[in-house]
Amino acid sequence: EVQEMQAMAKKEKRFLMEGMWTRFLPAYRKAIQEI
């Protein structure tokens, strides 16, 4: 499913992102970067 969605985004030249909000939180991001 995800590969099909990625292929469509590339075809249409549109941006596609999963809304995994945790990955963008400042504290989480900083902790991951330090590791």
All heavy atoms as atom14 arrays in JSON, in Angstrom:
{
  "sequence": "EVQEMQAMAKKEKRFLMEGMWTRFLPAYRKAIQEI",
  "atom14_mask": [
    [1, 1, 1, 1, 1, 1, 1, 1, 1, 0, 0, 0, 0, 0],
    [1, 1, 1, 1, 1, 1, 1, 0, 0, 0, 0, 0, 0, 0],
    [1, 1, 1, 1, 1, 1, 1, 1, 1, 0, 0, 0, 0, 0],
    [1, 1, 1, 1, 1, 1, 1, 1, 1, 0, 0, 0, 0, 0],
    [1, 1, 1, 1, 1, 1, 1, 1, 0, 0, 0, 0, 0, 0],
    [1, 1, 1, 1, 1, 1, 1, 1, 1, 0, 0, 0, 0, 0],
    [1, 1, 1, 1, 1, 0, 0, 0, 0, 0, 0, 0, 0, 0],
    [1, 1, 1, 1, 1, 1, 1, 1, 0, 0, 0, 0, 0, 0],
    [1, 1, 1, 1, 1, 0, 0, 0, 0, 0, 0, 0, 0, 0],
    [1, 1, 1, 1, 1, 1, 1, 1, 1, 0, 0, 0, 0, 0],
    [1, 1, 1, 1, 1, 1, 1, 1, 1, 0, 0, 0, 0, 0],
    [1, 1, 1, 1, 1, 1, 1, 1, 1, 0, 0, 0, 0, 0],
    [1, 1, 1, 1, 1, 1, 1, 1, 1, 0, 0, 0, 0, 0],
    [1, 1, 1, 1, 1, 1, 1, 1, 1, 1, 1, 0, 0, 0],
    [1, 1, 1, 1, 1, 1, 1, 1, 1, 1, 1, 0, 0, 0],
    [1, 1, 1, 1, 1, 1, 1, 1, 0, 0, 0, 0, 0, 0],
    [1, 1, 1, 1, 1, 1, 1, 1, 0, 0, 0, 0, 0, 0],
    [1, 1, 1, 1, 1, 1, 1, 1, 1, 0, 0, 0, 0, 0],
    [1, 1, 1, 1, 0, 0, 0, 0, 0, 0, 0, 0, 0, 0],
    [1, 1, 1, 1, 1, 1, 1, 1, 0, 0, 0, 0, 0, 0],
    [1, 1, 1, 1, 1, 1, 1, 1, 1, 1, 1, 1, 1, 1],
    [1, 1, 1, 1, 1, 1, 1, 0, 0, 0, 0, 0, 0, 0],
    [1, 1, 1, 1, 1, 1, 1, 1, 1, 1, 1, 0, 0, 0],
    [1, 1, 1, 1, 1, 1, 1, 1, 1, 1, 1, 0, 0, 0],
    [1, 1, 1, 1, 1, 1, 1, 1, 0, 0, 0, 0, 0, 0],
    [1, 1, 1, 1, 1, 1, 1, 0, 0, 0, 0, 0, 0, 0],
    [1, 1, 1, 1, 1, 0, 0, 0, 0, 0, 0, 0, 0, 0],
    [1, 1, 1, 1, 1, 1, 1, 1, 1, 1, 1, 1, 0, 0],
    [1, 1, 1, 1, 1, 1, 1, 1, 1, 1, 1, 0, 0, 0],
    [1, 1, 1, 1, 1, 1, 1, 1, 1, 0, 0, 0, 0, 0],
    [1, 1, 1, 1, 1, 0, 0, 0, 0, 0, 0, 0, 0, 0],
    [1, 1, 1, 1, 1, 1, 1, 1, 0, 0, 0, 0, 0, 0],
    [1, 1, 1, 1, 1, 1, 1, 1, 1, 0, 0, 0, 0, 0],
    [1, 1, 1, 1, 1, 1, 1, 1, 1, 0, 0, 0, 0, 0],
    [1, 1, 1, 1, 1, 1, 1, 1, 0, 0, 0, 0, 0, 0]
  ],
  "atom14_positions": [
    [[0.83, -1.21, 0.0], [0.0, 0.0, 0.0], [0.87, 1.26, 0.0], [0.63, 2.19, -0.77], [-0.93, 0.01, 1.22], [-2.12, -0.89, 1.1], [-3.19, -0.57, 2.14], [-2.96, 0.31, 3.0], [-4.23, -1.22, 2.1], [0.0, 0.0, 0.0], [0.0, 0.0, 0.0], [0.0, 0.0, 0.0], [0.0, 0.0, 0.0], [0.0, 0.0, 0.0]],
    [[1.87, 1.28, 0.87], [2.71, 2.48, 0.99], [3.51, 2.7, -0.3], [3.66, 3.84, -0.76], [3.66, 2.35, 2.21], [4.62, 3.53, 2.26], [2.83, 2.29, 3.49], [0.0, 0.0, 0.0], [0.0, 0.0, 0.0], [0.0, 0.0, 0.0], [0.0, 0.0, 0.0], [0.0, 0.0, 0.0], [0.0, 0.0, 0.0], [0.0, 0.0, 0.0]],
    [[3.99, 1.62, -0.9], [4.74, 1.74, -2.16], [3.86, 2.31, -3.27], [4.32, 3.12, -4.09], [5.32, 0.38, -2.55], [6.47, -0.05, -1.66], [6.76, -1.53, -1.72], [6.07, -2.3, -2.4], [7.79, -1.96, -1.0], [0.0, 0.0, 0.0], [0.0, 0.0, 0.0], [0.0, 0.0, 0.0], [0.0, 0.0, 0.0], [0.0, 0.0, 0.0]],
    [[2.59, 1.91, -3.28], [1.66, 2.45, -4.27], [1.43, 3.94, -4.05], [1.38, 4.73, -5.0], [0.33, 1.69, -4.2], [-0.69, 2.12, -5.24], [-2.0, 1.37, -5.13], [-2.19, 0.58, -4.18], [-2.87, 1.6, -6.0], [0.0, 0.0, 0.0], [0.0, 0.0, 0.0], [0.0, 0.0, 0.0], [0.0, 0.0, 0.0], [0.0, 0.0, 0.0]],
    [[1.33, 4.33, -2.79], [1.12, 5.74, -2.46], [2.35, 6.57, -2.83], [2.23, 7.67, -3.38], [0.8, 5.86, -0.96], [-0.54, 5.2, -0.59], [-0.61, 4.62, 1.12], [-0.79, 6.15, 2.01], [0.0, 0.0, 0.0], [0.0, 0.0, 0.0], [0.0, 0.0, 0.0], [0.0, 0.0, 0.0], [0.0, 0.0, 0.0], [0.0, 0.0, 0.0]],
    [[3.54, 6.02, -2.57], [4.78, 6.71, -2.93], [4.87, 6.88, -4.45], [5.27, 7.94, -4.94], [5.99, 5.93, -2.43], [6.2, 6.0, -0.92], [7.38, 5.16, -0.49], [7.47, 3.97, -0.8], [8.31, 5.76, 0.24], [0.0, 0.0, 0.0], [0.0, 0.0, 0.0], [0.0, 0.0, 0.0], [0.0, 0.0, 0.0], [0.0, 0.0, 0.0]],
    [[4.5, 5.84, -5.18], [4.57, 5.89, -6.64], [3.63, 6.97, -7.19], [3.98, 7.7, -8.12], [4.23, 4.53, -7.23], [0.0, 0.0, 0.0], [0.0, 0.0, 0.0], [0.0, 0.0, 0.0], [0.0, 0.0, 0.0], [0.0, 0.0, 0.0], [0.0, 0.0, 0.0], [0.0, 0.0, 0.0], [0.0, 0.0, 0.0], [0.0, 0.0, 0.0]],
    [[2.45, 7.08, -6.61], [1.49, 8.1, -7.04], [2.03, 9.5, -6.74], [1.9, 10.42, -7.56], [0.15, 7.89, -6.35], [-0.87, 9.0, -6.6], [-1.51, 9.07, -8.29], [-2.83, 7.86, -8.18], [0.0, 0.0, 0.0], [0.0, 0.0, 0.0], [0.0, 0.0, 0.0], [0.0, 0.0, 0.0], [0.0, 0.0, 0.0], [0.0, 0.0, 0.0]],
    [[2.63, 9.68, -5.57], [3.19, 10.99, -5.21], [4.28, 11.39, -6.19], [4.36, 12.55, -6.62], [3.73, 10.96, -3.78], [0.0, 0.0, 0.0], [0.0, 0.0, 0.0], [0.0, 0.0, 0.0], [0.0, 0.0, 0.0], [0.0, 0.0, 0.0], [0.0, 0.0, 0.0], [0.0, 0.0, 0.0], [0.0, 0.0, 0.0], [0.0, 0.0, 0.0]],
    [[5.13, 10.45, -6.56], [6.21, 10.75, -7.52], [5.62, 11.08, -8.89], [6.1, 12.0, -9.58], [7.16, 9.56, -7.61], [8.0, 9.38, -6.35], [8.9, 8.16, -6.45], [9.71, 7.99, -5.16], [10.56, 6.76, -5.2], [0.0, 0.0, 0.0], [0.0, 0.0, 0.0], [0.0, 0.0, 0.0], [0.0, 0.0, 0.0], [0.0, 0.0, 0.0]],
    [[4.6, 10.33, -9.29], [3.97, 10.58, -10.59], [3.35, 11.97, -10.63], [3.47, 12.69, -11.64], [2.89, 9.52, -10.85], [2.1, 9.74, -12.13], [0.96, 8.74, -12.24], [0.07, 9.04, -13.43], [-1.1, 8.13, -13.5], [0.0, 0.0, 0.0], [0.0, 0.0, 0.0], [0.0, 0.0, 0.0], [0.0, 0.0, 0.0], [0.0, 0.0, 0.0]],
    [[2.68, 12.35, -9.56], [1.98, 13.65, -9.51], [2.91, 14.78, -9.09], [2.48, 15.94, -9.06], [0.79, 13.56, -8.55], [-0.28, 12.54, -8.95], [-0.97, 12.91, -10.25], [-1.09, 14.12, -10.54], [-1.41, 11.98, -10.97], [0.0, 0.0, 0.0], [0.0, 0.0, 0.0], [0.0, 0.0, 0.0], [0.0, 0.0, 0.0], [0.0, 0.0, 0.0]],
    [[4.15, 14.43, -8.71], [5.12, 15.43, -8.22], [4.57, 16.19, -7.01], [4.65, 17.42, -6.93], [5.54, 16.39, -9.33], [6.3, 15.72, -10.46], [6.73, 16.72, -11.52], [7.64, 16.11, -12.56], [7.07, 14.95, -13.26], [0.0, 0.0, 0.0], [0.0, 0.0, 0.0], [0.0, 0.0, 0.0], [0.0, 0.0, 0.0], [0.0, 0.0, 0.0]],
    [[4.0, 15.45, -6.09], [3.44, 16.01, -4.86], [4.2, 15.47, -3.65], [4.8, 14.4, -3.69], [1.96, 15.65, -4.71], [1.03, 16.16, -5.79], [0.86, 17.67, -5.76], [1.83, 18.33, -6.63], [1.94, 19.64, -6.76], [1.19, 20.46, -6.06], [2.83, 20.15, -7.58], [0.0, 0.0, 0.0], [0.0, 0.0, 0.0], [0.0, 0.0, 0.0]],
    [[4.14, 16.22, -2.57], [4.79, 15.83, -1.31], [3.9, 14.87, -0.56], [2.68, 15.07, -0.46], [5.05, 17.08, -0.46], [5.6, 16.79, 0.9], [6.93, 16.43, 1.07], [4.79, 16.87, 2.02], [7.45, 16.17, 2.34], [5.29, 16.62, 3.29], [6.63, 16.27, 3.44], [0.0, 0.0, 0.0], [0.0, 0.0, 0.0], [0.0, 0.0, 0.0]],
    [[4.51, 13.81, 0.0], [3.78, 12.82, 0.8], [4.59, 12.49, 2.04], [5.78, 12.18, 1.94], [3.54, 11.56, -0.03], [2.94, 10.35, 0.72], [1.54, 10.68, 1.26], [2.9, 9.13, -0.2], [0.0, 0.0, 0.0], [0.0, 0.0, 0.0], [0.0, 0.0, 0.0], [0.0, 0.0, 0.0], [0.0, 0.0, 0.0], [0.0, 0.0, 0.0]],
    [[3.94, 12.55, 3.21], [4.63, 12.26, 4.47], [3.69, 11.56, 5.43], [2.51, 11.88, 5.51], [5.12, 13.56, 5.12], [5.94, 13.37, 6.39], [6.51, 14.94, 7.1], [5.11, 15.4, 8.13], [0.0, 0.0, 0.0], [0.0, 0.0, 0.0], [0.0, 0.0, 0.0], [0.0, 0.0, 0.0], [0.0, 0.0, 0.0], [0.0, 0.0, 0.0]],
    [[4.24, 10.58, 6.15], [3.47, 9.94, 7.21], [3.43, 10.86, 8.43], [4.45, 11.42, 8.83], [4.11, 8.6, 7.6], [3.34, 7.87, 8.69], [4.01, 6.56, 9.07], [5.24, 6.55, 9.26], [3.29, 5.55, 9.18], [0.0, 0.0, 0.0], [0.0, 0.0, 0.0], [0.0, 0.0, 0.0], [0.0, 0.0, 0.0], [0.0, 0.0, 0.0]],
    [[2.27, 11.0, 9.01], [2.12, 11.86, 10.18], [2.49, 11.15, 11.47], [1.67, 11.01, 12.38], [0.0, 0.0, 0.0], [0.0, 0.0, 0.0], [0.0, 0.0, 0.0], [0.0, 0.0, 0.0], [0.0, 0.0, 0.0], [0.0, 0.0, 0.0], [0.0, 0.0, 0.0], [0.0, 0.0, 0.0], [0.0, 0.0, 0.0], [0.0, 0.0, 0.0]],
    [[3.75, 10.72, 11.57], [4.27, 10.15, 12.81], [4.8, 11.3, 13.66], [5.99, 11.63, 13.67], [5.37, 9.14, 12.48], [6.1, 8.56, 13.69], [5.06, 7.62, 14.81], [4.81, 6.13, 13.86], [0.0, 0.0, 0.0], [0.0, 0.0, 0.0], [0.0, 0.0, 0.0], [0.0, 0.0, 0.0], [0.0, 0.0, 0.0], [0.0, 0.0, 0.0]],
    [[3.87, 11.97, 14.37], [4.18, 13.24, 15.02], [5.32, 13.15, 16.03], [6.09, 14.1, 16.21], [2.92, 13.81, 15.68], [2.48, 13.1, 16.91], [2.2, 11.76, 17.04], [2.25, 13.67, 18.2], [1.81, 11.48, 18.32], [1.82, 12.63, 19.05], [2.34, 14.96, 18.71], [1.5, 12.84, 20.39], [2.02, 15.18, 20.05], [1.6, 14.13, 20.87]],
    [[5.48, 11.98, 16.67], [6.52, 11.8, 17.67], [7.9, 12.15, 17.11], [8.72, 12.77, 17.79], [6.53, 10.35, 18.17], [5.26, 10.07, 18.77], [7.63, 10.11, 19.18], [0.0, 0.0, 0.0], [0.0, 0.0, 0.0], [0.0, 0.0, 0.0], [0.0, 0.0, 0.0], [0.0, 0.0, 0.0], [0.0, 0.0, 0.0], [0.0, 0.0, 0.0]],
    [[8.15, 11.76, 15.87], [9.47, 11.94, 15.28], [9.89, 13.41, 15.17], [11.06, 13.7, 14.98], [9.51, 11.3, 13.89], [9.66, 9.8, 13.93], [9.8, 9.22, 12.54], [10.36, 7.87, 12.63], [10.51, 7.07, 11.58], [10.18, 7.49, 10.37], [11.01, 5.86, 11.73], [0.0, 0.0, 0.0], [0.0, 0.0, 0.0], [0.0, 0.0, 0.0]],
    [[8.94, 14.32, 15.28], [9.24, 15.74, 15.1], [9.24, 16.52, 16.41], [9.56, 17.71, 16.41], [8.22, 16.36, 14.12], [8.21, 15.66, 12.79], [7.29, 14.67, 12.52], [9.12, 16.0, 11.81], [7.27, 14.01, 11.3], [9.12, 15.35, 10.58], [8.2, 14.35, 10.33], [0.0, 0.0, 0.0], [0.0, 0.0, 0.0], [0.0, 0.0, 0.0]],
    [[8.88, 15.88, 17.52], [8.85, 16.59, 18.8], [10.28, 16.98, 19.21], [11.21, 16.18, 19.1], [8.23, 15.71, 19.88], [6.77, 15.3, 19.64], [6.3, 14.39, 20.77], [5.88, 16.54, 19.53], [0.0, 0.0, 0.0], [0.0, 0.0, 0.0], [0.0, 0.0, 0.0], [0.0, 0.0, 0.0], [0.0, 0.0, 0.0], [0.0, 0.0, 0.0]],
    [[10.49, 18.21, 19.68], [11.85, 18.68, 19.99], [12.62, 17.78, 20.95], [13.8, 17.49, 20.71], [11.6, 20.07, 20.59], [10.32, 20.53, 19.98], [9.48, 19.28, 19.84], [0.0, 0.0, 0.0], [0.0, 0.0, 0.0], [0.0, 0.0, 0.0], [0.0, 0.0, 0.0], [0.0, 0.0, 0.0], [0.0, 0.0, 0.0], [0.0, 0.0, 0.0]],
    [[12.0, 17.33, 22.04], [12.71, 16.5, 23.01], [13.08, 15.15, 22.41], [14.2, 14.65, 22.58], [11.87, 16.32, 24.27], [0.0, 0.0, 0.0], [0.0, 0.0, 0.0], [0.0, 0.0, 0.0], [0.0, 0.0, 0.0], [0.0, 0.0, 0.0], [0.0, 0.0, 0.0], [0.0, 0.0, 0.0], [0.0, 0.0, 0.0], [0.0, 0.0, 0.0]],
    [[12.13, 14.53, 21.73], [12.39, 13.23, 21.1], [13.48, 13.36, 20.05], [14.41, 12.56, 19.98], [11.11, 12.7, 20.49], [11.24, 11.37, 19.79], [11.08, 10.18, 20.49], [11.53, 11.3, 18.43], [11.2, 8.95, 19.86], [11.66, 10.09, 17.79], [11.5, 8.91, 18.5], [11.63, 7.7, 17.85], [0.0, 0.0, 0.0], [0.0, 0.0, 0.0]],
    [[13.37, 14.42, 19.22], [14.34, 14.62, 18.15], [15.76, 14.81, 18.71], [16.73, 14.26, 18.2], [13.93, 15.86, 17.34], [14.68, 16.13, 16.09], [14.21, 15.27, 14.93], [15.05, 14.1, 14.75], [14.59, 12.85, 14.65], [13.3, 12.6, 14.71], [15.4, 11.85, 14.48], [0.0, 0.0, 0.0], [0.0, 0.0, 0.0], [0.0, 0.0, 0.0]],
    [[15.86, 15.62, 19.78], [17.16, 15.89, 20.39], [17.75, 14.62, 21.0], [18.95, 14.35, 20.86], [17.02, 16.97, 21.46], [18.31, 17.35, 22.17], [19.29, 18.05, 21.25], [20.49, 18.57, 22.01], [21.5, 19.21, 21.13], [0.0, 0.0, 0.0], [0.0, 0.0, 0.0], [0.0, 0.0, 0.0], [0.0, 0.0, 0.0], [0.0, 0.0, 0.0]],
    [[16.91, 13.83, 21.66], [17.38, 12.59, 22.27], [17.92, 11.63, 21.2], [18.99, 11.03, 21.36], [16.26, 11.93, 23.06], [0.0, 0.0, 0.0], [0.0, 0.0, 0.0], [0.0, 0.0, 0.0], [0.0, 0.0, 0.0], [0.0, 0.0, 0.0], [0.0, 0.0, 0.0], [0.0, 0.0, 0.0], [0.0, 0.0, 0.0], [0.0, 0.0, 0.0]],
    [[17.19, 11.49, 20.12], [17.62, 10.61, 19.03], [18.93, 11.12, 18.44], [19.85, 10.34, 18.16], [16.53, 10.51, 17.95], [15.26, 9.85, 18.51], [17.05, 9.73, 16.74], [15.41, 8.44, 18.97], [0.0, 0.0, 0.0], [0.0, 0.0, 0.0], [0.0, 0.0, 0.0], [0.0, 0.0, 0.0], [0.0, 0.0, 0.0], [0.0, 0.0, 0.0]],
    [[19.03, 12.41, 18.24], [20.26, 12.99, 17.67], [21.46, 12.75, 18.58], [22.56, 12.44, 18.1], [20.06, 14.48, 17.41], [19.14, 14.79, 16.24], [18.78, 16.25, 16.13], [19.06, 17.05, 17.03], [18.16, 16.63, 15.02], [0.0, 0.0, 0.0], [0.0, 0.0, 0.0], [0.0, 0.0, 0.0], [0.0, 0.0, 0.0], [0.0, 0.0, 0.0]],
    [[21.25, 12.89, 19.9], [22.36, 12.65, 20.82], [22.82, 11.2, 20.78], [24.02, 10.91, 20.81], [21.96, 13.05, 22.25], [21.83, 14.54, 22.45], [21.98, 14.96, 23.88], [21.58, 14.2, 24.78], [22.51, 16.06, 24.11], [0.0, 0.0, 0.0], [0.0, 0.0, 0.0], [0.0, 0.0, 0.0], [0.0, 0.0, 0.0], [0.0, 0.0, 0.0]],
    [[21.85, 10.29, 20.68], [22.2, 8.86, 20.57], [22.97, 8.61, 19.28], [24.01, 7.95, 19.28], [20.93, 7.99, 20.62], [20.27, 8.1, 22.01], [21.27, 6.53, 20.3], [18.88, 7.53, 22.06], [0.0, 0.0, 0.0], [0.0, 0.0, 0.0], [0.0, 0.0, 0.0], [0.0, 0.0, 0.0], [0.0, 0.0, 0.0], [0.0, 0.0, 0.0]]
  ]
}
